[in-house]
Amino acid sequence: MTVTCDCEAVRLLTYGERWTCEGCGRRWDTNKIPAAEYWGIMREMRRYRLVAIGAALALGATFALLAFLVSQRLLLLMPIVMAGWFLLYMPRWRRMVRRRARALPSWQLDPE
């Protein structure tokens, strides 16, 4: 997560990490963020990644199985299938994830 200090210093922190700003000396504690809400968001983002990975694995396994059972010449089509994957599916997936990330809550932390 990104923490921006009042003096405009920015630092990337993990949940539960504390940071003392080098510029002004304020201390920030990410433990003040509700744990259930934070980990719920993390699970949701992980699920998005797993859906993309699972779809890619299913597509690859199906294609490999067809190539093994039907004809090995189907492997020559694999670059076309991969190009379709990256040009058609992944941009839609990225838009969906970005849209969701923009709608996520932001927390206003107060320095200690």
C-alpha atoms as a PDB file:
ATOM      1  CA  MET A   1       0.000   0.000   0.000  1.00  0.00           C
ATOM      2  CA  THR A   2       1.100   3.561  -0.559  1.00  0.00           C
ATOM      3  CA  VAL A   3       1.366   5.945   2.392  1.00  0.00           C
ATOM      4  CA  THR A   4       1.756   9.650   1.656  1.00  0.00           C
ATOM      5  CA  CYS A   5       3.000  11.795   4.515  1.00  0.00           C
ATOM      6  CA  ASP A   6       1.739  15.328   5.102  1.00  0.00           C
ATOM      7  CA  CYS A   7       5.147  16.605   3.931  1.00  0.00           C
ATOM      8  CA  GLU A   8       4.508  14.851   0.560  1.00  0.00           C
ATOM      9  CA  ALA A   9       6.948  11.979   1.189  1.00  0.00           C
ATOM     10  CA  VAL A  10       5.646   8.708  -0.281  1.00  0.00           C
ATOM     11  CA  ARG A  11       6.482   5.169   0.804  1.00  0.00           C
ATOM     12  CA  LEU A  12       5.221   1.725  -0.205  1.00  0.00           C
ATOM     13  CA  LEU A  13       4.445  -0.359   2.889  1.00  0.00           C
ATOM     14  CA  THR A  14       3.074  -3.797   3.611  1.00  0.00           C
ATOM     15  CA  TYR A  15       0.199  -4.333   6.005  1.00  0.00           C
ATOM     16  CA  GLY A  16       1.342  -4.151   9.617  1.00  0.00           C
ATOM     17  CA  GLU A  17       4.479  -2.169   8.812  1.00  0.00           C
ATOM     18  CA  ARG A  18       5.401   1.059  10.591  1.00  0.00           C
ATOM     19  CA  TRP A  19       7.199   3.934   8.944  1.00  0.00           C
ATOM     20  CA  THR A  20       8.869   7.028  10.300  1.00  0.00           C
ATOM     21  CA  CYS A  21       9.045   9.776   7.699  1.00  0.00           C
ATOM     22  CA  GLU A  22      12.599  10.900   7.106  1.00  0.00           C
ATOM     23  CA  GLY A  23      11.483  14.411   6.177  1.00  0.00           C
ATOM     24  CA  CYS A  24       9.315  15.395   9.142  1.00  0.00           C
ATOM     25  CA  GLY A  25       9.625  12.557  11.666  1.00  0.00           C
ATOM     26  CA  ARG A  26       5.935  11.581  11.682  1.00  0.00           C
ATOM     27  CA  ARG A  27       5.264   7.895  12.330  1.00  0.00           C
ATOM     28  CA  TRP A  28       2.695   5.937  10.352  1.00  0.00           C
ATOM     29  CA  ASP A  29       1.242   2.576  11.389  1.00  0.00           C
ATOM     30  CA  THR A  30      -0.644   0.475   8.838  1.00  0.00           C
ATOM     31  CA  ASN A  31      -2.074  -1.690  11.633  1.00  0.00           C
ATOM     32  CA  LYS A  32      -4.765   0.990  11.999  1.00  0.00           C
ATOM     33  CA  ILE A  33      -6.383  -0.298   8.797  1.00  0.00           C
ATOM     34  CA  PRO A  34      -9.126  -2.872   9.543  1.00  0.00           C
ATOM     35  CA  ALA A  35      -7.525  -6.285   9.030  1.00  0.00           C
ATOM     36  CA  ALA A  36     -10.668  -8.026   7.752  1.00  0.00           C
ATOM     37  CA  GLU A  37     -11.237  -5.351   5.121  1.00  0.00           C
ATOM     38  CA  TYR A  38      -7.591  -5.357   3.971  1.00  0.00           C
ATOM     39  CA  TRP A  39      -7.290  -9.141   3.738  1.00  0.00           C
ATOM     40  CA  GLY A  40     -10.653  -9.339   1.971  1.00  0.00           C
ATOM     41  CA  ILE A  41      -9.285  -7.040  -0.726  1.00  0.00           C
ATOM     42  CA  MET A  42      -6.103  -9.101  -0.957  1.00  0.00           C
ATOM     43  CA  ARG A  43      -8.147 -12.315  -1.390  1.00  0.00           C
ATOM     44  CA  GLU A  44     -10.222 -10.692  -4.116  1.00  0.00           C
ATOM     45  CA  MET A  45      -7.126  -9.531  -6.035  1.00  0.00           C
ATOM     46  CA  ARG A  46      -5.564 -12.989  -5.656  1.00  0.00           C
ATOM     47  CA  ARG A  47      -8.759 -14.534  -7.013  1.00  0.00           C
ATOM     48  CA  TYR A  48      -8.549 -12.311 -10.110  1.00  0.00           C
ATOM     49  CA  ARG A  49      -4.984 -13.504 -10.740  1.00  0.00           C
ATOM     50  CA  LEU A  50      -5.927 -17.146 -10.187  1.00  0.00           C
ATOM     51  CA  VAL A  51      -8.817 -16.894 -12.641  1.00  0.00           C
ATOM     52  CA  ALA A  52      -6.446 -15.622 -15.348  1.00  0.00           C
ATOM     53  CA  ILE A  53      -3.864 -18.314 -14.562  1.00  0.00           C
ATOM     54  CA  GLY A  54      -6.529 -21.031 -14.442  1.00  0.00           C
ATOM     55  CA  ALA A  55      -7.996 -19.965 -17.768  1.00  0.00           C
ATOM     56  CA  ALA A  56      -4.527 -19.971 -19.355  1.00  0.00           C
ATOM     57  CA  LEU A  57      -3.765 -23.416 -17.939  1.00  0.00           C
ATOM     58  CA  ALA A  58      -7.115 -24.787 -19.097  1.00  0.00           C
ATOM     59  CA  LEU A  59      -6.574 -23.385 -22.581  1.00  0.00           C
ATOM     60  CA  GLY A  60      -3.028 -24.772 -22.718  1.00  0.00           C
ATOM     61  CA  ALA A  61      -4.030 -28.190 -21.387  1.00  0.00           C
ATOM     62  CA  THR A  62      -6.942 -28.445 -23.817  1.00  0.00           C
ATOM     63  CA  PHE A  63      -4.737 -27.449 -26.709  1.00  0.00           C
ATOM     64  CA  ALA A  64      -1.967 -29.882 -25.683  1.00  0.00           C
ATOM     65  CA  LEU A  65      -4.470 -32.711 -25.275  1.00  0.00           C
ATOM     66  CA  LEU A  66      -5.958 -32.031 -28.709  1.00  0.00           C
ATOM     67  CA  ALA A  67      -2.484 -31.933 -30.231  1.00  0.00           C
ATOM     68  CA  PHE A  68      -1.628 -35.238 -28.573  1.00  0.00           C
ATOM     69  CA  LEU A  69      -4.885 -36.997 -29.482  1.00  0.00           C
ATOM     70  CA  VAL A  70      -5.686 -35.485 -32.882  1.00  0.00           C
ATOM     71  CA  SER A  71      -2.543 -34.236 -34.575  1.00  0.00           C
ATOM     72  CA  GLN A  72       0.763 -32.745 -33.554  1.00  0.00           C
ATOM     73  CA  ARG A  73       0.313 -30.197 -36.327  1.00  0.00           C
ATOM     74  CA  LEU A  74      -2.067 -28.390 -33.994  1.00  0.00           C
ATOM     75  CA  LEU A  75       0.993 -27.300 -32.019  1.00  0.00           C
ATOM     76  CA  LEU A  76       1.858 -25.032 -34.921  1.00  0.00           C
ATOM     77  CA  LEU A  77      -1.293 -23.056 -34.100  1.00  0.00           C
ATOM     78  CA  MET A  78      -0.170 -22.478 -30.526  1.00  0.00           C
ATOM     79  CA  PRO A  79       1.470 -19.080 -31.281  1.00  0.00           C
ATOM     80  CA  ILE A  80      -1.798 -17.908 -32.854  1.00  0.00           C
ATOM     81  CA  VAL A  81      -3.777 -19.069 -29.828  1.00  0.00           C
ATOM     82  CA  MET A  82      -1.315 -17.345 -27.491  1.00  0.00           C
ATOM     83  CA  ALA A  83      -1.525 -14.136 -29.526  1.00  0.00           C
ATOM     84  CA  GLY A  84      -5.311 -14.280 -29.283  1.00  0.00           C
ATOM     85  CA  TRP A  85      -5.030 -14.800 -25.550  1.00  0.00           C
ATOM     86  CA  PHE A  86      -2.828 -11.751 -25.086  1.00  0.00           C
ATOM     87  CA  LEU A  87      -4.658  -9.535 -27.562  1.00  0.00           C
ATOM     88  CA  LEU A  88      -8.262 -10.427 -26.707  1.00  0.00           C
ATOM     89  CA  TYR A  89      -8.567 -11.822 -23.198  1.00  0.00           C
ATOM     90  CA  MET A  90      -5.822 -10.076 -21.247  1.00  0.00           C
ATOM     91  CA  PRO A  91      -6.800  -6.466 -22.110  1.00  0.00           C
ATOM     92  CA  ARG A  92     -10.357  -7.144 -20.913  1.00  0.00           C
ATOM     93  CA  TRP A  93      -9.011  -8.812 -17.772  1.00  0.00           C
ATOM     94  CA  ARG A  94      -6.704  -5.851 -17.069  1.00  0.00           C
ATOM     95  CA  ARG A  95      -9.546  -3.366 -17.539  1.00  0.00           C
ATOM     96  CA  MET A  96     -11.713  -5.349 -15.123  1.00  0.00           C
ATOM     97  CA  VAL A  97      -8.956  -5.492 -12.485  1.00  0.00           C
ATOM     98  CA  ARG A  98      -8.113  -1.792 -12.871  1.00  0.00           C
ATOM     99  CA  ARG A  99     -11.784  -0.824 -12.611  1.00  0.00           C
ATOM    100  CA  ARG A 100     -12.081  -2.820  -9.407  1.00  0.00           C
ATOM    101  CA  ALA A 101      -8.818  -1.416  -8.021  1.00  0.00           C
ATOM    102  CA  ARG A 102     -10.046   2.148  -8.604  1.00  0.00           C
ATOM    103  CA  ALA A 103     -13.227   1.356  -6.684  1.00  0.00           C
ATOM    104  CA  LEU A 104     -11.359   0.021  -3.652  1.00  0.00           C
ATOM    105  CA  PRO A 105     -11.634   1.943  -0.411  1.00  0.00           C
ATOM    106  CA  SER A 106      -8.819   4.209   0.693  1.00  0.00           C
ATOM    107  CA  TRP A 107      -8.038   4.772   4.319  1.00  0.00           C
ATOM    108  CA  GLN A 108      -7.057   8.025   5.971  1.00  0.00           C
ATOM    109  CA  LEU A 109      -4.298   7.197   8.437  1.00  0.00           C
ATOM    110  CA  ASP A 110      -3.349   9.674  11.135  1.00  0.00           C
ATOM    111  CA  PRO A 111       0.267   9.908  12.233  1.00  0.00           C
ATOM    112  CA  GLU A 112       1.104   8.731  15.727  1.00  0.00           C
END
